[in-house]
C-alpha cells in the first residue's frame, strides 16, 4: 500500500536527461475475519463486521459492497469508510427475503485496492401463510401451508409437541413440500404445530397452529 516514486533517465556517455518521474503503489493487504452481526439480520437488512489486515500495510480507507450471489452486475454502490471509522457496514437497500448476497470488503491505498475479502449472507425468508391443520383418523394430523410469493426458501421445518406435556422437546421434520402428515400421535391430546421457512439454513419467523385429536 505504500507509494514509491520511480525515476527514469536516458544516459549517453556522461550526459543524462532530465528524469521522468511517476508514482506507483504496491497493493495493500486485504482485511480479515468478515462476519455477520446476527442480531441485525432481517428479511431486508443485515450488518457485517471485519478486522484490519494482518501485518503492516498502508491504506486510507475500506470499500464495502454487496451483490446478489450469482448476479455480479446487480452490485450495490460501494460503501466507503475511512481507515479509523468503526468497521461495520449496514445493507438495507434493494434486498429480498431469503436471497443470498456476497459481501466484498477491500482496503484501498490511493487508487489501488487490495485483493477482496468475501463472505455470504442470506436474509431471513418471510413466514409461511395460510397454515392450517386437520385431524385424520385417530392418530394423524394433516398440516398444510403456503410459502410467501415475495420470499425465497429451499425447505420448511415443522416442529410439533403436546401442549400439556411437561418439558417436551417435540419432534422436528424438514420437508420440501408445503404439507406434511403427522402420524403416531396420541388421541385426545392437543398439539402445537410450528412451521418456519428455511433458506440456506436461515429461518423465518414462526407460524403456529394448534390442533386437538
C-alpha atoms as a PDB file:
ATOM      1  CA  UNK A   1       0.000   0.000   0.000  1.00  0.00           C
ATOM      2  CA  UNK A   2       2.953   2.370   0.156  1.00  0.00           C
ATOM      3  CA  UNK A   3       3.654   4.894  -2.622  1.00  0.00           C
ATOM      4  CA  UNK A   4       7.019   4.833  -4.400  1.00  0.00           C
ATOM      5  CA  UNK A   5       8.489   7.387  -6.811  1.00  0.00           C
ATOM      6  CA  UNK A   6      10.173   5.811  -9.826  1.00  0.00           C
ATOM      7  CA  UNK A   7      12.535   7.959 -11.879  1.00  0.00           C
ATOM      8  CA  UNK A   8      13.768   7.054 -15.354  1.00  0.00           C
ATOM      9  CA  UNK A   9      16.589   8.861 -17.262  1.00  0.00           C
ATOM     10  CA  UNK A  10      18.349   8.233 -20.514  1.00  0.00           C
ATOM     11  CA  UNK A  11      22.166   8.188 -20.465  1.00  0.00           C
ATOM     12  CA  UNK A  12      24.582   8.978 -23.316  1.00  0.00           C
ATOM     13  CA  UNK A  13      28.197   8.715 -22.292  1.00  0.00           C
ATOM     14  CA  UNK A  14      28.474  11.236 -19.442  1.00  0.00           C
ATOM     15  CA  UNK A  15      25.235  13.044 -20.159  1.00  0.00           C
ATOM     16  CA  UNK A  16      21.899  12.256 -18.561  1.00  0.00           C
ATOM     17  CA  UNK A  17      18.500  13.549 -19.465  1.00  0.00           C
ATOM     18  CA  UNK A  18      16.046  15.173 -17.138  1.00  0.00           C
ATOM     19  CA  UNK A  19      14.198  12.476 -15.177  1.00  0.00           C
ATOM     20  CA  UNK A  20      10.704  11.295 -15.901  1.00  0.00           C
ATOM     21  CA  UNK A  21       9.095  10.573 -12.555  1.00  0.00           C
ATOM     22  CA  UNK A  22       5.970   8.541 -11.797  1.00  0.00           C
ATOM     23  CA  UNK A  23       4.429   7.394  -8.510  1.00  0.00           C
ATOM     24  CA  UNK A  24       3.216   3.823  -8.048  1.00  0.00           C
ATOM     25  CA  UNK A  25       1.763   2.000  -5.071  1.00  0.00           C
ATOM     26  CA  UNK A  26       2.096  -1.590  -4.024  1.00  0.00           C
ATOM     27  CA  UNK A  27      -1.149  -3.495  -3.358  1.00  0.00           C
ATOM     28  CA  UNK A  28      -2.299  -3.143   0.277  1.00  0.00           C
ATOM     29  CA  UNK A  29      -3.037  -6.203   2.400  1.00  0.00           C
ATOM     30  CA  UNK A  30      -6.679  -7.267   2.453  1.00  0.00           C
ATOM     31  CA  UNK A  31      -8.959  -7.125   5.537  1.00  0.00           C
ATOM     32  CA  UNK A  32      -9.577 -10.236   7.646  1.00  0.00           C
ATOM     33  CA  UNK A  33     -12.352 -12.060   9.501  1.00  0.00           C
ATOM     34  CA  UNK A  34     -15.555 -10.801   7.913  1.00  0.00           C
ATOM     35  CA  UNK A  35     -18.593 -11.763   9.999  1.00  0.00           C
ATOM     36  CA  UNK A  36     -22.350 -11.205  10.162  1.00  0.00           C
ATOM     37  CA  UNK A  37     -23.862  -9.219  13.019  1.00  0.00           C
ATOM     38  CA  UNK A  38     -26.553 -11.843  13.716  1.00  0.00           C
ATOM     39  CA  UNK A  39     -28.724  -9.506  15.780  1.00  0.00           C
ATOM     40  CA  UNK A  40     -29.156  -7.257  12.715  1.00  0.00           C
ATOM     41  CA  UNK A  41     -30.354  -9.946  10.299  1.00  0.00           C
ATOM     42  CA  UNK A  42     -33.882  -9.403   8.978  1.00  0.00           C
ATOM     43  CA  UNK A  43     -35.848 -10.039   5.804  1.00  0.00           C
ATOM     44  CA  UNK A  44     -34.418  -6.910   4.131  1.00  0.00           C
ATOM     45  CA  UNK A  45     -31.296  -5.847   6.018  1.00  0.00           C
ATOM     46  CA  UNK A  46     -28.074  -7.018   7.627  1.00  0.00           C
ATOM     47  CA  UNK A  47     -24.796  -5.705   9.026  1.00  0.00           C
ATOM     48  CA  UNK A  48     -21.293  -7.078   8.598  1.00  0.00           C
ATOM     49  CA  UNK A  49     -18.089  -6.501  10.546  1.00  0.00           C
ATOM     50  CA  UNK A  50     -14.445  -7.223   9.728  1.00  0.00           C
ATOM     51  CA  UNK A  51     -10.939  -6.855  11.100  1.00  0.00           C
ATOM     52  CA  UNK A  52      -7.975  -4.898   9.665  1.00  0.00           C
ATOM     53  CA  UNK A  53      -5.189  -6.600   7.711  1.00  0.00           C
ATOM     54  CA  UNK A  54      -2.796  -8.908   9.488  1.00  0.00           C
ATOM     55  CA  UNK A  55       0.637  -7.371   9.128  1.00  0.00           C
ATOM     56  CA  UNK A  56       1.988  -3.937   8.240  1.00  0.00           C
ATOM     57  CA  UNK A  57       0.101  -2.268   5.423  1.00  0.00           C
ATOM     58  CA  UNK A  58      -0.606   1.306   4.414  1.00  0.00           C
ATOM     59  CA  UNK A  59      -4.130   2.205   3.301  1.00  0.00           C
ATOM     60  CA  UNK A  60      -6.519   5.068   3.848  1.00  0.00           C
ATOM     61  CA  UNK A  61      -9.992   3.553   3.544  1.00  0.00           C
ATOM     62  CA  UNK A  62     -12.194   0.478   3.274  1.00  0.00           C
ATOM     63  CA  UNK A  63     -14.512  -0.240   0.355  1.00  0.00           C
ATOM     64  CA  UNK A  64     -17.524  -2.492   1.051  1.00  0.00           C
ATOM     65  CA  UNK A  65     -20.077  -3.710  -1.475  1.00  0.00           C
ATOM     66  CA  UNK A  66     -22.669  -6.464  -1.850  1.00  0.00           C
ATOM     67  CA  UNK A  67     -24.440  -8.166  -4.712  1.00  0.00           C
ATOM     68  CA  UNK A  68     -26.915 -10.990  -5.047  1.00  0.00           C
ATOM     69  CA  UNK A  69     -24.997 -14.240  -5.274  1.00  0.00           C
ATOM     70  CA  UNK A  70     -24.505 -15.119  -8.934  1.00  0.00           C
ATOM     71  CA  UNK A  71     -25.582 -11.632 -10.128  1.00  0.00           C
ATOM     72  CA  UNK A  72     -22.396  -9.567 -10.172  1.00  0.00           C
ATOM     73  CA  UNK A  73     -23.970  -6.925 -12.421  1.00  0.00           C
ATOM     74  CA  UNK A  74     -26.502  -6.043  -9.692  1.00  0.00           C
ATOM     75  CA  UNK A  75     -23.857  -4.919  -7.205  1.00  0.00           C
ATOM     76  CA  UNK A  76     -24.825  -2.003  -4.976  1.00  0.00           C
ATOM     77  CA  UNK A  77     -22.866   1.248  -4.930  1.00  0.00           C
ATOM     78  CA  UNK A  78     -19.796   0.535  -2.738  1.00  0.00           C
ATOM     79  CA  UNK A  79     -19.724   1.992   0.754  1.00  0.00           C
ATOM     80  CA  UNK A  80     -16.506   3.862   1.628  1.00  0.00           C
ATOM     81  CA  UNK A  81     -15.276   4.056   5.228  1.00  0.00           C
ATOM     82  CA  UNK A  82     -12.126   5.763   6.462  1.00  0.00           C
ATOM     83  CA  UNK A  83      -9.415   3.610   7.987  1.00  0.00           C
ATOM     84  CA  UNK A  84     -10.254   4.807  11.514  1.00  0.00           C
ATOM     85  CA  UNK A  85     -14.046   4.515  11.220  1.00  0.00           C
ATOM     86  CA  UNK A  86     -15.941   1.701  13.008  1.00  0.00           C
ATOM     87  CA  UNK A  87     -15.549  -1.435  10.910  1.00  0.00           C
ATOM     88  CA  UNK A  88     -19.240  -2.131  10.323  1.00  0.00           C
ATOM     89  CA  UNK A  89     -21.408  -1.711   7.226  1.00  0.00           C
ATOM     90  CA  UNK A  90     -25.216  -1.809   7.002  1.00  0.00           C
ATOM     91  CA  UNK A  91     -27.058  -3.052   3.917  1.00  0.00           C
ATOM     92  CA  UNK A  92     -30.782  -2.336   3.717  1.00  0.00           C
ATOM     93  CA  UNK A  93     -31.495  -1.270   0.152  1.00  0.00           C
ATOM     94  CA  UNK A  94     -32.819  -3.487  -2.656  1.00  0.00           C
ATOM     95  CA  UNK A  95     -32.563  -6.667  -0.580  1.00  0.00           C
ATOM     96  CA  UNK A  96     -35.057  -9.518  -0.927  1.00  0.00           C
ATOM     97  CA  UNK A  97     -36.208 -12.024   1.723  1.00  0.00           C
ATOM     98  CA  UNK A  98     -34.415 -15.369   1.582  1.00  0.00           C
ATOM     99  CA  UNK A  99     -31.832 -14.311  -1.011  1.00  0.00           C
ATOM    100  CA  UNK A 100     -28.093 -14.887  -0.579  1.00  0.00           C
ATOM    101  CA  UNK A 101     -25.738 -11.939  -1.014  1.00  0.00           C
ATOM    102  CA  UNK A 102     -21.973 -11.870  -1.416  1.00  0.00           C
ATOM    103  CA  UNK A 103     -20.277  -9.117   0.587  1.00  0.00           C
ATOM    104  CA  UNK A 104     -16.895  -7.858  -0.626  1.00  0.00           C
ATOM    105  CA  UNK A 105     -14.502  -5.848   1.568  1.00  0.00           C
ATOM    106  CA  UNK A 106     -11.241  -4.288   0.332  1.00  0.00           C
ATOM    107  CA  UNK A 107      -8.634  -1.922   1.672  1.00  0.00           C
ATOM    108  CA  UNK A 108      -7.718   0.962  -0.625  1.00  0.00           C
ATOM    109  CA  UNK A 109      -4.487   2.949  -0.755  1.00  0.00           C
ATOM    110  CA  UNK A 110      -4.762   5.898  -3.117  1.00  0.00           C
ATOM    111  CA  UNK A 111      -6.368   4.320  -6.161  1.00  0.00           C
ATOM    112  CA  UNK A 112      -5.018   0.816  -5.523  1.00  0.00           C
ATOM    113  CA  UNK A 113      -7.349  -1.754  -3.945  1.00  0.00           C
ATOM    114  CA  UNK A 114      -6.393  -4.940  -2.144  1.00  0.00           C
ATOM    115  CA  UNK A 115      -7.489  -8.419  -3.080  1.00  0.00           C
ATOM    116  CA  UNK A 116     -11.106  -8.887  -1.938  1.00  0.00           C
ATOM    117  CA  UNK A 117     -12.268 -10.467   1.299  1.00  0.00           C
ATOM    118  CA  UNK A 118     -15.671 -12.083   0.687  1.00  0.00           C
ATOM    119  CA  UNK A 119     -18.484 -13.581   2.734  1.00  0.00           C
ATOM    120  CA  UNK A 120     -22.040 -14.744   2.033  1.00  0.00           C
ATOM    121  CA  UNK A 121     -25.139 -13.566   3.907  1.00  0.00           C
ATOM    122  CA  UNK A 122     -28.685 -14.895   3.466  1.00  0.00           C
ATOM    123  CA  UNK A 123     -31.564 -12.685   4.542  1.00  0.00           C
ATOM    124  CA  UNK A 124     -34.448 -14.145   6.526  1.00  0.00           C
ATOM    125  CA  UNK A 125     -37.237 -15.625   4.412  1.00  0.00           C
ATOM    126  CA  UNK A 126     -40.796 -14.476   5.059  1.00  0.00           C
ATOM    127  CA  UNK A 127     -43.049 -16.646   7.258  1.00  0.00           C
ATOM    128  CA  UNK A 128     -45.363 -19.178   5.653  1.00  0.00           C
ATOM    129  CA  UNK A 129     -49.005 -18.179   5.270  1.00  0.00           C
ATOM    130  CA  UNK A 130     -52.394 -19.945   5.448  1.00  0.00           C
ATOM    131  CA  UNK A 131     -51.106 -22.507   7.948  1.00  0.00           C
ATOM    132  CA  UNK A 132     -53.852 -24.988   8.754  1.00  0.00           C
ATOM    133  CA  UNK A 133     -54.188 -28.386  10.407  1.00  0.00           C
ATOM    134  CA  UNK A 134     -56.842 -31.068  10.059  1.00  0.00           C
ATOM    135  CA  UNK A 135     -57.173 -34.289  12.102  1.00  0.00           C
ATOM    136  CA  UNK A 136     -57.226 -37.553  10.136  1.00  0.00           C
ATOM    137  CA  UNK A 137     -58.253 -40.860  11.681  1.00  0.00           C
ATOM    138  CA  UNK A 138     -57.470 -41.109  15.403  1.00  0.00           C
ATOM    139  CA  UNK A 139     -53.726 -40.514  15.446  1.00  0.00           C
ATOM    140  CA  UNK A 140     -52.886 -38.319  12.457  1.00  0.00           C
ATOM    141  CA  UNK A 141     -52.904 -34.618  11.597  1.00  0.00           C
ATOM    142  CA  UNK A 142     -52.588 -33.235   8.081  1.00  0.00           C
ATOM    143  CA  UNK A 143     -50.723 -29.891   8.068  1.00  0.00           C
ATOM    144  CA  UNK A 144     -50.648 -27.596   5.037  1.00  0.00           C
ATOM    145  CA  UNK A 145     -49.378 -24.076   4.317  1.00  0.00           C
ATOM    146  CA  UNK A 146     -48.312 -21.748   1.536  1.00  0.00           C
ATOM    147  CA  UNK A 147     -44.951 -20.013   1.070  1.00  0.00           C
ATOM    148  CA  UNK A 148     -44.927 -16.254   0.612  1.00  0.00           C
ATOM    149  CA  UNK A 149     -44.712 -15.212  -3.039  1.00  0.00           C
ATOM    150  CA  UNK A 150     -42.311 -12.432  -2.036  1.00  0.00           C
ATOM    151  CA  UNK A 151     -39.771 -14.768  -0.458  1.00  0.00           C
ATOM    152  CA  UNK A 152     -37.207 -17.396  -1.435  1.00  0.00           C
ATOM    153  CA  UNK A 153     -36.881 -20.623   0.554  1.00  0.00           C
ATOM    154  CA  UNK A 154     -35.458 -24.080  -0.089  1.00  0.00           C
ATOM    155  CA  UNK A 155     -37.246 -26.102   2.605  1.00  0.00           C
ATOM    156  CA  UNK A 156     -39.567 -25.947   5.611  1.00  0.00           C
ATOM    157  CA  UNK A 157     -39.030 -27.014   9.201  1.00  0.00           C
ATOM    158  CA  UNK A 158     -42.008 -28.442  11.082  1.00  0.00           C
ATOM    159  CA  UNK A 159     -41.931 -28.853  14.852  1.00  0.00           C
ATOM    160  CA  UNK A 160     -44.796 -30.279  16.917  1.00  0.00           C
ATOM    161  CA  UNK A 161     -45.338 -31.263  20.533  1.00  0.00           C
ATOM    162  CA  UNK A 162     -48.086 -31.947  23.065  1.00  0.00           C
ATOM    163  CA  UNK A 163     -49.183 -28.709  24.678  1.00  0.00           C
ATOM    164  CA  UNK A 164     -49.849 -30.312  28.076  1.00  0.00           C
ATOM    165  CA  UNK A 165     -46.695 -32.462  28.084  1.00  0.00           C
ATOM    166  CA  UNK A 166     -44.135 -31.421  30.699  1.00  0.00           C
ATOM    167  CA  UNK A 167     -40.704 -30.428  29.357  1.00  0.00           C
ATOM    168  CA  UNK A 168     -41.415 -31.785  25.861  1.00  0.00           C
ATOM    169  CA  UNK A 169     -38.792 -31.056  23.181  1.00  0.00           C
ATOM    170  CA  UNK A 170     -41.189 -32.100  20.457  1.00  0.00           C
ATOM    171  CA  UNK A 171     -40.454 -33.634  17.083  1.00  0.00           C
ATOM    172  CA  UNK A 172     -38.775 -31.792  14.176  1.00  0.00           C
ATOM    173  CA  UNK A 173     -39.130 -32.615  10.495  1.00  0.00           C
ATOM    174  CA  UNK A 174     -37.557 -30.882   7.491  1.00  0.00           C
ATOM    175  CA  UNK A 175     -39.638 -31.127   4.308  1.00  0.00           C
ATOM    176  CA  UNK A 176     -39.546 -29.676   0.812  1.00  0.00           C
ATOM    177  CA  UNK A 177     -43.279 -29.924   0.158  1.00  0.00           C
ATOM    178  CA  UNK A 178     -45.896 -27.496   1.504  1.00  0.00           C
ATOM    179  CA  UNK A 179     -47.669 -30.161   3.516  1.00  0.00           C
ATOM    180  CA  UNK A 180     -46.821 -32.940   5.930  1.00  0.00           C
ATOM    181  CA  UNK A 181     -48.707 -35.784   7.590  1.00  0.00           C
ATOM    182  CA  UNK A 182     -48.037 -36.128  11.307  1.00  0.00           C
ATOM    183  CA  UNK A 183     -48.509 -39.721  12.452  1.00  0.00           C
ATOM    184  CA  UNK A 184     -48.304 -41.840  15.614  1.00  0.00           C
ATOM    185  CA  UNK A 185     -49.997 -39.127  17.669  1.00  0.00           C
ATOM    186  CA  UNK A 186     -51.970 -39.766  20.837  1.00  0.00           C
ATOM    187  CA  UNK A 187     -55.738 -39.424  20.683  1.00  0.00           C
ATOM    188  CA  UNK A 188     -57.293 -36.799  22.929  1.00  0.00           C
ATOM    189  CA  UNK A 189     -54.171 -34.639  23.034  1.00  0.00           C
ATOM    190  CA  UNK A 190     -53.708 -31.028  21.963  1.00  0.00           C
ATOM    191  CA  UNK A 191     -50.714 -30.374  19.702  1.00  0.00           C
ATOM    192  CA  UNK A 192     -48.799 -27.178  18.971  1.00  0.00           C
ATOM    193  CA  UNK A 193     -47.513 -27.181  15.380  1.00  0.00           C
ATOM    194  CA  UNK A 194     -44.882 -24.684  14.230  1.00  0.00           C
ATOM    195  CA  UNK A 195     -43.722 -24.180  10.635  1.00  0.00           C
ATOM    196  CA  UNK A 196     -40.825 -21.985   9.507  1.00  0.00           C
ATOM    197  CA  UNK A 197     -39.486 -21.329   6.020  1.00  0.00           C
ATOM    198  CA  UNK A 198     -35.774 -22.059   5.567  1.00  0.00           C
ATOM    199  CA  UNK A 199     -33.342 -20.521   3.081  1.00  0.00           C
ATOM    200  CA  UNK A 200     -29.722 -21.640   3.203  1.00  0.00           C
ATOM    201  CA  UNK A 201     -30.150 -22.624   6.913  1.00  0.00           C
ATOM    202  CA  UNK A 202     -31.656 -19.222   7.803  1.00  0.00           C
ATOM    203  CA  UNK A 203     -35.097 -19.490   9.426  1.00  0.00           C
ATOM    204  CA  UNK A 204     -38.123 -17.245   9.049  1.00  0.00           C
ATOM    205  CA  UNK A 205     -40.316 -16.153  11.942  1.00  0.00           C
ATOM    206  CA  UNK A 206     -42.578 -18.928  13.233  1.00  0.00           C
ATOM    207  CA  UNK A 207     -46.143 -19.629  12.140  1.00  0.00           C
ATOM    208  CA  UNK A 208     -48.097 -21.624  14.761  1.00  0.00           C
ATOM    209  CA  UNK A 209     -51.365 -23.558  14.756  1.00  0.00           C
ATOM    210  CA  UNK A 210     -52.967 -25.718  17.472  1.00  0.00           C
ATOM    211  CA  UNK A 211     -54.906 -28.883  16.780  1.00  0.00           C
ATOM    212  CA  UNK A 212     -56.547 -31.462  19.015  1.00  0.00           C
ATOM    213  CA  UNK A 213     -57.239 -35.044  18.002  1.00  0.00           C
END
